[in-house]
Protein backbone atom coordinates (compact mmCIF):
# COMPACT_ATOMS: atom_id res chain seq x y z
CA MET A 1 86.55 126.21 75.36
CA PHE A 2 84.37 123.47 76.96
CA VAL A 3 83.56 123.26 80.80
CA THR A 4 82.41 120.26 82.92
CA VAL A 5 78.95 120.72 84.51
CA ALA A 6 78.38 117.03 85.78
CA ARG A 7 80.34 114.08 86.42
CA PHE A 8 78.62 110.34 86.71
CA SER A 9 79.83 107.15 87.38
CA PHE A 10 78.39 105.57 84.10
CA PRO A 11 77.83 106.70 80.67
CA HIS A 12 74.10 106.04 80.66
CA GLU A 13 73.81 108.30 83.61
CA ALA A 14 75.76 110.85 81.45
CA HIS A 15 73.87 110.43 78.41
CA ILE A 16 70.65 111.14 80.52
CA ALA A 17 71.90 114.58 81.71
CA ARG A 18 73.06 115.51 78.08
CA ALA A 19 69.64 114.74 76.80
CA GLN A 20 68.13 116.83 79.22
CA LEU A 21 70.20 119.64 78.65
CA GLU A 22 70.00 119.47 74.90
CA ALA A 23 66.20 119.27 75.18
CA ALA A 24 66.82 122.90 76.90
CA GLU A 25 68.80 123.54 73.85
CA ILE A 26 72.20 123.44 75.40
CA PRO A 27 74.94 122.26 73.48
CA ALA A 28 76.62 119.25 75.31
CA VAL A 29 78.95 116.71 74.62
CA ILE A 30 80.34 113.49 76.82
CA ALA A 31 83.92 112.91 77.66
CA ASP A 32 85.72 109.69 78.67
CA GLU A 33 82.50 107.85 78.23
CA HIS A 34 84.15 105.10 75.91
CA THR A 35 87.19 104.51 78.33
CA ILE A 36 84.70 103.85 81.13
CA GLY A 37 82.54 101.78 79.19
CA MET A 38 85.18 99.47 78.78
CA ASP A 39 86.30 99.16 82.08
CA TRP A 40 84.24 100.81 84.60
CA LEU A 41 87.19 100.57 87.66
CA TYR A 42 88.46 103.28 85.66
CA SER A 43 85.75 105.79 86.67
CA ASN A 44 87.02 106.78 89.68
CA ALA A 45 90.67 107.30 88.72
CA LEU A 46 89.66 109.51 85.62
CA GLY A 47 86.83 111.30 87.69
CA GLY A 48 84.09 110.05 86.17
CA VAL A 49 82.30 110.41 82.71
CA ARG A 50 82.08 114.09 82.09
CA VAL A 51 79.15 116.20 80.51
CA GLN A 52 80.84 119.50 79.15
CA VAL A 53 79.21 122.45 77.56
CA PRO A 54 80.54 125.51 75.98
CA GLU A 55 81.65 128.11 78.58
CA ALA A 56 79.02 130.43 77.85
CA TYR A 57 76.03 128.00 78.77
CA ALA A 58 78.04 126.43 81.94
CA VAL A 59 76.01 128.69 84.46
CA ALA A 60 72.73 127.59 82.80
CA ALA A 61 73.60 123.93 82.49
CA MET A 62 74.46 123.48 86.33
CA ALA A 63 71.17 125.08 87.10
CA LEU A 64 69.41 122.87 84.93
CA LEU A 65 71.01 119.74 86.24
CA ALA A 66 70.64 120.88 90.06
CA GLU A 67 66.70 120.91 89.65
CA GLU A 68 65.12 118.35 91.36
CA LEU A 69 62.57 116.60 89.20
CA SER A 70 61.50 113.42 91.23
CA ALA A 71 58.43 115.06 92.50
CA ALA A 72 57.03 116.17 88.80
CA VAL A 73 57.53 112.79 87.68
CA VAL A 74 55.77 110.97 90.37
CA ALA A 75 52.94 113.49 90.22
CA GLU A 76 52.89 112.68 86.27
CA GLN A 77 53.36 108.90 86.43
CA GLY A 78 52.48 107.88 89.84
CA GLU A 79 54.83 105.81 92.30
CA ASP A 80 55.18 102.17 92.48
CA ALA A 81 55.66 101.59 95.89
CA LEU A 82 57.71 98.18 97.35
CA LEU A 83 55.24 96.79 99.70
CA CYS A 84 56.45 94.67 102.82
CA PRO A 85 55.37 90.98 102.22
CA VAL A 86 54.70 90.51 105.96
CA CYS A 87 52.96 93.51 106.85
CA GLY A 88 51.97 95.29 103.90
CA SER A 89 53.73 98.42 104.69
CA GLY A 90 54.78 100.81 102.27
CA GLU A 91 57.69 102.06 104.30
CA THR A 92 60.09 99.92 102.61
CA GLU A 93 63.74 100.48 101.17
CA PHE A 94 65.78 98.79 98.61
CA VAL A 95 68.97 97.03 99.66
CA VAL A 96 71.53 95.32 97.94
CA LYS A 97 73.71 92.72 99.85
CA GLY A 98 77.04 91.12 99.14
CA GLN A 99 78.06 94.00 96.78
CA ARG A 100 81.34 94.86 98.38
CA MET A 101 82.39 90.99 98.65
CA ALA A 102 81.46 90.97 94.76
CA TYR A 103 83.82 94.07 94.09
CA ILE A 104 86.62 92.59 96.40
CA MET A 105 86.48 89.00 94.35
CA MET A 106 86.32 90.54 91.27
CA ALA A 107 89.32 92.71 91.97
CA LEU A 108 91.30 89.57 93.08
CA THR A 109 89.81 87.53 89.93
CA LEU A 110 88.60 85.23 92.29
CA GLY A 111 85.29 84.75 90.52
CA PHE A 112 81.93 85.87 91.29
CA TRP A 113 80.07 86.53 94.49
CA PRO A 114 76.17 86.47 94.76
CA ILE A 115 74.73 89.67 95.25
CA ARG A 116 71.17 89.56 96.70
CA ARG A 117 68.55 92.27 96.40
CA GLN A 118 66.21 92.82 99.08
CA ILE A 119 63.17 94.92 100.17
CA LYS A 120 63.84 95.97 103.90
CA CYS A 121 60.76 96.99 105.73
CA ASP A 122 61.22 99.93 108.07
CA ARG A 123 58.05 99.23 110.06
CA CYS A 124 58.36 95.48 111.20
CA GLY A 125 62.09 94.96 110.25
CA ALA A 126 61.41 92.24 107.98
CA ARG A 127 63.54 91.34 105.05
CA SER A 128 62.50 89.56 101.88
CA ASP A 129 64.09 88.73 98.48
CA PHE A 130 63.26 91.45 95.90
CA LYS A 131 61.48 89.79 92.64
CA GLY A 132 61.04 92.52 90.15
């Protein structure tokens, strides 16, 4: 019997988790990937794309997926900081504007709404379009 150890909104996220489990020699399968891949709006209704493992591996799989690996990746590969074009600060965050309205427009089938990707500086407050 298989047990769900993780749920994701998109199939590619589930494939990353499955690959991580299989690298640790934990057998894993993905459920509902094709349904959600055809129409991602079903993701919330179905509970997302599920990563499942045999019941005997469930505890080890959940522990492995709960590990925070971002510090190790940054140590190995370095970090690309988004610098503020106004003051040069690295204290920035990536912001997506117009996403909510885009979803509403798609749901109402009224067409597309532009989405703007921006960099917001926490130091000087400047916002600039992300070109990357």
